[in-house]
Protein backbone atom coordinates (compact mmCIF):
# COMPACT_ATOMS: atom_id res chain seq x y z
CA MET A 1 48.66 21.83 21.30
CA LYS A 2 46.67 24.20 19.09
CA LEU A 3 49.22 23.70 16.29
CA LEU A 4 49.01 19.90 16.64
CA ARG A 5 45.19 19.92 16.50
CA TYR A 6 45.32 22.23 13.49
CA LEU A 7 47.75 19.91 11.71
CA GLY A 8 45.65 16.85 12.52
CA VAL A 9 42.39 18.30 11.18
CA ALA A 10 44.09 19.59 8.04
CA LEU A 11 45.75 16.23 7.44
CA VAL A 12 42.42 14.40 7.50
CA ALA A 13 41.05 16.88 4.97
CA ALA A 14 44.17 16.51 2.83
CA HIS A 15 43.80 12.72 2.63
CA ALA A 16 40.13 13.08 1.70
CA ALA A 17 40.93 15.57 -1.06
CA PHE A 18 43.69 13.33 -2.39
CA ALA A 19 41.41 10.29 -2.52
CA SER A 20 38.64 12.15 -4.31
CA ALA A 21 41.05 13.41 -6.97
CA GLN A 22 42.06 9.94 -8.12
CA PRO A 23 40.40 8.75 -11.32
CA ALA A 24 38.36 5.57 -11.42
CA GLY A 25 40.94 3.89 -13.59
CA GLY A 26 44.45 4.48 -14.87
CA GLN A 27 47.28 6.45 -13.31
CA PRO A 28 46.34 9.11 -10.75
CA PRO A 29 47.64 12.65 -11.28
CA LEU A 30 51.02 13.59 -9.88
CA ARG A 31 50.24 16.03 -7.08
CA LEU A 32 52.73 18.84 -6.40
CA ILE A 33 51.92 20.13 -2.94
CA VAL A 34 52.85 23.76 -2.29
CA PRO A 35 52.60 24.53 1.45
CA PHE A 36 51.90 28.23 0.85
CA THR A 37 49.36 30.37 -0.98
CA PRO A 38 49.21 30.89 -4.77
CA GLY A 39 51.41 33.66 -6.13
CA THR A 40 54.48 32.90 -4.00
CA GLY A 41 57.87 32.02 -5.44
CA ILE A 42 57.29 28.37 -4.50
CA ASP A 43 53.98 28.39 -6.34
CA LEU A 44 55.69 29.83 -9.43
CA ILE A 45 58.19 26.97 -9.38
CA ALA A 46 55.45 24.35 -9.14
CA ARG A 47 53.35 25.88 -11.92
CA THR A 48 56.36 26.35 -14.21
CA VAL A 49 57.98 22.96 -13.66
CA GLY A 50 54.80 20.92 -13.14
CA PRO A 51 53.42 20.83 -16.71
CA LYS A 52 56.84 20.00 -18.15
CA LEU A 53 57.37 17.23 -15.63
CA GLY A 54 53.93 15.85 -16.51
CA GLU A 55 54.81 15.80 -20.21
CA ARG A 56 58.00 13.88 -19.55
CA LEU A 57 56.31 11.37 -17.26
CA GLY A 58 53.25 11.02 -19.48
CA ARG A 59 50.75 11.87 -16.77
CA ALA A 60 48.62 14.72 -15.46
CA VAL A 61 50.06 17.06 -12.84
CA VAL A 62 48.02 18.99 -10.28
CA VAL A 63 49.42 21.86 -8.18
CA ASP A 64 47.81 21.63 -4.74
CA ASN A 65 48.22 24.67 -2.45
CA ARG A 66 48.00 23.67 1.22
CA PRO A 67 48.86 26.82 3.21
CA GLY A 68 48.80 27.10 6.98
CA ALA A 69 50.94 26.76 10.11
CA SER A 70 54.03 28.27 8.44
CA GLY A 71 54.02 25.58 5.77
CA ASN A 72 53.72 22.67 8.20
CA ILE A 73 50.28 21.56 7.01
CA GLY A 74 51.32 20.98 3.41
CA THR A 75 54.62 19.47 4.50
CA GLU A 76 52.95 16.95 6.78
CA ALA A 77 50.58 15.93 3.99
CA VAL A 78 53.62 14.83 1.99
CA VAL A 79 55.34 13.21 4.97
CA ARG A 80 52.22 11.04 5.47
CA ALA A 81 51.68 10.29 1.76
CA PRO A 82 52.70 6.92 0.26
CA GLY A 83 56.13 6.88 -1.37
CA ASP A 84 54.62 5.74 -4.67
CA GLY A 85 55.59 8.68 -6.86
CA ASN A 86 52.14 10.27 -6.83
CA THR A 87 52.94 13.12 -4.40
CA LEU A 88 55.82 15.59 -4.21
CA LEU A 89 56.51 18.66 -2.08
CA VAL A 90 57.73 21.96 -3.54
CA SER A 91 59.20 23.96 -0.69
CA VAL A 92 61.70 26.53 0.52
CA ASN A 93 64.19 26.74 3.37
CA THR A 94 61.36 27.68 5.75
CA LEU A 95 61.13 23.91 6.06
CA VAL A 96 64.38 23.62 8.03
CA MET A 97 63.61 26.72 10.10
CA ASN A 98 60.35 25.12 11.22
CA ARG A 99 62.25 22.12 12.53
CA SER A 100 63.64 24.25 15.38
CA LEU A 101 60.71 26.64 15.73
CA TYR A 102 58.20 23.82 16.27
CA PRO A 103 60.09 21.03 18.09
CA GLN A 104 56.80 19.38 19.15
CA MET A 105 55.66 18.69 15.58
CA PRO A 106 54.62 15.06 15.05
CA PHE A 107 57.15 14.74 12.22
CA ASP A 108 60.69 15.84 11.40
CA PRO A 109 60.73 17.84 8.14
CA VAL A 110 64.41 17.04 7.59
CA ARG A 111 64.54 13.37 8.55
CA ASP A 112 61.12 12.39 7.21
CA LEU A 113 61.38 13.71 3.66
CA VAL A 114 63.42 12.47 0.71
CA PRO A 115 65.30 15.28 -1.09
CA VAL A 116 64.88 15.02 -4.86
CA SER A 117 66.47 18.17 -6.29
CA LEU A 118 67.35 21.76 -5.68
CA THR A 119 65.44 23.97 -8.14
CA SER A 120 66.62 27.51 -7.51
CA TRP A 121 68.01 30.16 -5.21
CA GLY A 122 66.36 33.41 -4.17
CA GLN A 123 67.83 36.49 -2.55
CA LEU A 124 66.47 38.86 0.06
CA LEU A 125 66.98 42.62 0.04
CA LEU A 126 67.16 44.82 3.12
CA VAL A 127 64.87 47.74 2.31
CA THR A 128 63.56 50.86 3.98
CA PRO A 129 61.03 53.59 3.02
CA PRO A 130 62.52 56.83 1.66
CA SER A 131 61.03 58.67 4.64
CA SER A 132 63.54 56.94 6.94
CA GLY A 133 66.37 58.92 5.40
CA TYR A 134 68.67 55.90 5.35
CA LYS A 135 70.77 55.59 2.21
CA THR A 136 72.98 52.65 3.22
CA ALA A 137 72.84 49.64 5.51
CA GLN A 138 75.47 51.31 7.64
CA ASP A 139 73.08 54.23 8.19
CA LEU A 140 70.53 51.80 9.61
CA VAL A 141 73.13 50.09 11.81
CA LYS A 142 74.34 53.38 13.27
CA ALA A 143 70.78 54.55 13.97
CA ALA A 144 69.99 51.26 15.71
CA GLN A 145 73.16 51.53 17.77
CA ARG A 146 72.23 55.02 18.92
CA SER A 147 68.70 54.00 19.99
CA PRO A 148 68.45 50.26 20.73
CA GLY A 149 64.89 49.01 20.25
CA LYS A 150 63.53 52.31 18.93
CA LEU A 151 63.66 51.18 15.32
CA ASN A 152 61.38 48.38 14.17
CA TYR A 153 61.18 45.92 11.33
CA ALA A 154 58.37 43.95 9.72
CA SER A 155 58.01 40.34 8.67
CA PRO A 156 55.15 38.22 7.25
CA GLY A 157 55.18 36.27 10.52
CA VAL A 158 57.31 34.59 13.15
CA GLY A 159 59.72 32.05 11.68
CA THR A 160 59.55 33.27 8.08
CA PRO A 161 62.81 33.76 6.18
CA HIS A 162 62.17 37.51 6.34
CA HIS A 163 62.04 37.34 10.17
CA LEU A 164 65.03 35.06 10.71
CA SER A 165 67.12 36.96 8.15
CA MET A 166 66.69 40.14 10.16
CA GLU A 167 67.50 38.28 13.36
CA LEU A 168 70.75 37.10 11.75
CA PHE A 169 71.43 40.67 10.61
CA LYS A 170 70.82 41.93 14.17
CA GLN A 171 73.10 39.28 15.63
CA THR A 172 75.87 39.96 13.11
CA ALA A 173 75.70 43.77 13.34
CA ARG A 174 75.13 43.62 17.12
CA VAL A 175 72.09 45.87 17.04
CA TYR A 176 68.54 45.59 18.32
CA LEU A 177 65.41 46.39 16.29
CA THR A 178 61.90 45.58 17.46
CA HIS A 179 60.12 42.86 15.50
CA ILE A 180 56.59 43.54 14.25
CA PRO A 181 55.14 40.30 12.79
CA TYR A 182 52.25 40.56 10.33
CA ARG A 183 49.90 37.95 8.91
CA GLY A 184 51.39 37.81 5.44
CA THR A 185 53.65 39.87 3.22
CA ALA A 186 51.03 42.26 1.79
CA PRO A 187 50.05 44.04 5.04
CA ALA A 188 53.69 44.23 6.11
CA VAL A 189 54.69 45.87 2.82
CA THR A 190 51.73 48.28 3.07
CA ASP A 191 52.93 49.59 6.42
CA LEU A 192 56.53 49.63 5.21
CA LEU A 193 55.55 51.80 2.24
CA GLY A 194 53.56 54.03 4.56
CA GLY A 195 56.55 54.60 6.83
CA GLN A 196 55.01 52.89 9.86
CA VAL A 197 57.86 50.37 9.71
CA ASP A 198 61.54 51.23 9.48
CA ALA A 199 62.96 48.25 7.60
CA MET A 200 62.31 44.78 6.24
CA PHE A 201 63.91 41.95 4.30
CA LEU A 202 61.99 41.24 1.08
CA PRO A 203 62.49 38.86 -1.85
CA ILE A 204 63.77 40.61 -4.95
CA HIS A 205 60.62 40.02 -6.99
CA VAL A 206 58.50 41.67 -4.28
CA ALA A 207 60.79 44.62 -3.63
CA LEU A 208 61.95 45.40 -7.17
CA PRO A 209 58.81 47.18 -8.48
CA GLN A 210 58.71 49.39 -5.37
CA ILE A 211 62.41 50.17 -5.64
CA ARG A 212 62.09 51.13 -9.30
CA ALA A 213 59.10 53.33 -8.46
CA GLY A 214 61.12 55.12 -5.78
CA LYS A 215 58.84 53.86 -3.00
CA LEU A 216 61.53 51.76 -1.29
CA VAL A 217 65.29 52.14 -0.88
CA ALA A 218 67.47 49.04 -1.18
CA LEU A 219 70.15 49.16 1.51
CA GLY A 220 71.86 45.89 0.64
CA ILE A 221 71.39 42.33 -0.52
CA GLY A 222 71.74 39.43 1.91
CA SER A 223 74.00 37.36 -0.32
CA ASP A 224 77.66 36.76 -1.09
CA LYS A 225 77.33 38.53 -4.44
CA ARG A 226 75.30 41.25 -6.10
CA HIS A 227 72.29 40.40 -8.24
CA PRO A 228 72.05 41.14 -12.01
CA LEU A 229 68.61 42.74 -11.57
CA LEU A 230 70.10 45.27 -9.12
CA PRO A 231 73.81 45.49 -9.94
CA THR A 232 74.34 48.76 -8.05
CA VAL A 233 72.98 47.41 -4.76
CA PRO A 234 75.89 46.19 -2.60
CA THR A 235 75.97 43.06 -0.52
CA LEU A 236 75.54 43.73 3.19
CA GLU A 237 79.19 42.85 3.69
CA GLU A 238 80.20 45.42 1.06
CA ALA A 239 77.95 47.90 2.85
CA HIS A 240 79.94 47.28 6.07
CA ALA A 241 76.91 45.82 7.83
CA GLY A 242 78.35 42.36 8.44
CA LYS A 243 78.67 39.16 6.44
CA VAL A 244 75.01 38.18 6.20
CA ASN A 245 74.12 35.51 3.64
CA VAL A 246 70.40 34.74 3.79
CA ASP A 247 70.00 33.20 0.34
CA MET A 248 66.85 31.07 0.18
CA TRP A 249 66.95 27.68 -1.50
CA TYR A 250 63.93 26.13 -3.18
CA GLY A 251 63.57 22.45 -3.95
CA ILE A 252 61.46 19.35 -4.40
CA PHE A 253 61.01 16.51 -1.90
CA ALA A 254 59.33 13.10 -1.98
CA PRO A 255 57.55 11.19 0.81
CA PRO A 256 59.53 8.75 2.96
CA GLY A 257 59.89 5.32 1.41
CA THR A 258 60.20 6.61 -2.15
CA SER A 259 62.56 4.28 -4.02
CA PRO A 260 66.05 5.54 -4.97
CA ASP A 261 65.35 4.60 -8.61
CA LEU A 262 62.27 6.82 -8.71
CA VAL A 263 64.11 9.68 -7.00
CA SER A 264 66.91 9.37 -9.56
CA ARG A 265 64.41 9.42 -12.44
CA LEU A 266 62.70 12.53 -11.09
CA ASN A 267 66.06 14.19 -10.52
CA ARG A 268 67.12 13.57 -14.14
CA GLU A 269 63.88 14.96 -15.51
CA LEU A 270 64.06 18.05 -13.30
CA ARG A 271 67.67 18.69 -14.31
CA ASP A 272 66.65 18.84 -17.97
CA ILE A 273 63.56 20.94 -17.25
CA LEU A 274 65.51 23.50 -15.22
CA ALA A 275 68.03 23.90 -18.04
CA ALA A 276 65.31 24.95 -20.52
CA PRO A 277 65.64 28.63 -21.57
CA ASP A 278 61.96 29.43 -20.96
CA VAL A 279 62.14 28.02 -17.44
CA ARG A 280 65.30 29.99 -16.69
CA THR A 281 63.64 33.16 -17.97
CA ALA A 282 60.49 32.58 -15.90
CA PHE A 283 62.57 32.11 -12.76
CA GLN A 284 64.99 34.96 -13.37
CA THR A 285 62.27 37.55 -14.02
CA GLN A 286 61.05 36.75 -10.49
CA GLY A 287 64.52 37.20 -9.00
CA MET A 288 65.21 33.47 -8.68
CA ASP A 289 68.30 31.77 -10.06
CA PRO A 290 67.70 28.25 -11.46
CA ALA A 291 69.92 25.60 -9.90
CA THR A 292 70.17 21.82 -9.84
CA SER A 293 71.77 19.21 -7.65
CA THR A 294 71.96 15.49 -7.10
CA PRO A 295 69.67 14.12 -4.38
CA ALA A 296 72.73 13.62 -2.16
CA GLU A 297 73.91 17.19 -2.67
CA PHE A 298 70.47 18.55 -1.87
CA LYS A 299 70.27 16.38 1.26
CA HIS A 300 73.61 17.77 2.44
CA LEU A 301 72.46 21.35 1.82
CA VAL A 302 69.22 20.79 3.76
CA GLU A 303 71.01 19.25 6.75
CA MET A 304 73.68 21.96 6.81
CA ASP A 305 71.11 24.76 6.61
CA SER A 306 69.05 23.13 9.35
CA ARG A 307 72.02 23.29 11.72
CA ARG A 308 72.76 26.92 10.82
CA TRP A 309 69.24 28.19 11.49
CA SER A 310 68.87 26.02 14.58
CA GLN A 311 71.88 27.75 16.11
CA LEU A 312 70.40 31.20 15.40
CA ILE A 313 66.93 30.28 16.69
CA THR A 314 68.40 28.91 19.91
CA ALA A 315 70.78 31.84 20.40
CA GLN A 316 68.04 34.44 19.85
CA GLY A 317 65.42 32.53 21.84
CA ILE A 318 62.90 32.59 18.98
CA LYS A 319 59.69 30.62 19.47
CA GLY A 320 57.12 29.61 16.86
CA GLU A 321 53.64 31.09 17.20
């Protein structure tokens, strides 16, 4: 009930903010809603793609960060927005995880949004502080097998990709580590660097500076292939820690009722934007790989990923906060 009240209050505020932003005459700005704080990978996508999309559409673009409730507040603002092309959602696969974590939400993030286009993929690294002594993912697995529950791992919160990726790793490797949820990535990384936490999954762009500085050890990447930024780091399967693919997709959605013609137009523009060399460079330096899709392909990916994470959440008995 607390989550529902929180969503309701935030939604009222969101509608008020949207109304006040519209000019007295002419076309209102295209609002890209990011359901997380500035500085995240999703925010980078919105602020890189947004200006270029505005140029192509001949209108102003505003990036609107609406964090809270694991991304549900910003998502609901788009679900409730008119399908008139004035509001879009820039999100990540947390969206489909939330569908199972918060079954009492007053909306369905998969059914109630219109997929426009995939924008990129991001990878997560399994890392540990040097003080742990672990050199490989297999070292961590063996230690966890010897002392079930003694080792712990951090996440930015319940239901985040970092959390569910480790739960998938635990399920696949058949080990048990104790979950320590934090309120955000920064405090979790601080304790990880200090050795108070044994392991964590982190996006490449967050982990890379610490790895290069020798402050974190990369045990493996949760993907089907190695990453060019860290070519010597094996996949978890190569490290004999199980086939664990926790690649994160990022993409853009429209409100329900958005016309197929408008979705197709946006998809074409985004395809061209994502092919631009400067956009590819901006993404890749943050550990994200630009990608595109048709609306139908993106819809299929979202539905398939929703089923995959739903099965894990149910099997592990994970509940949203």
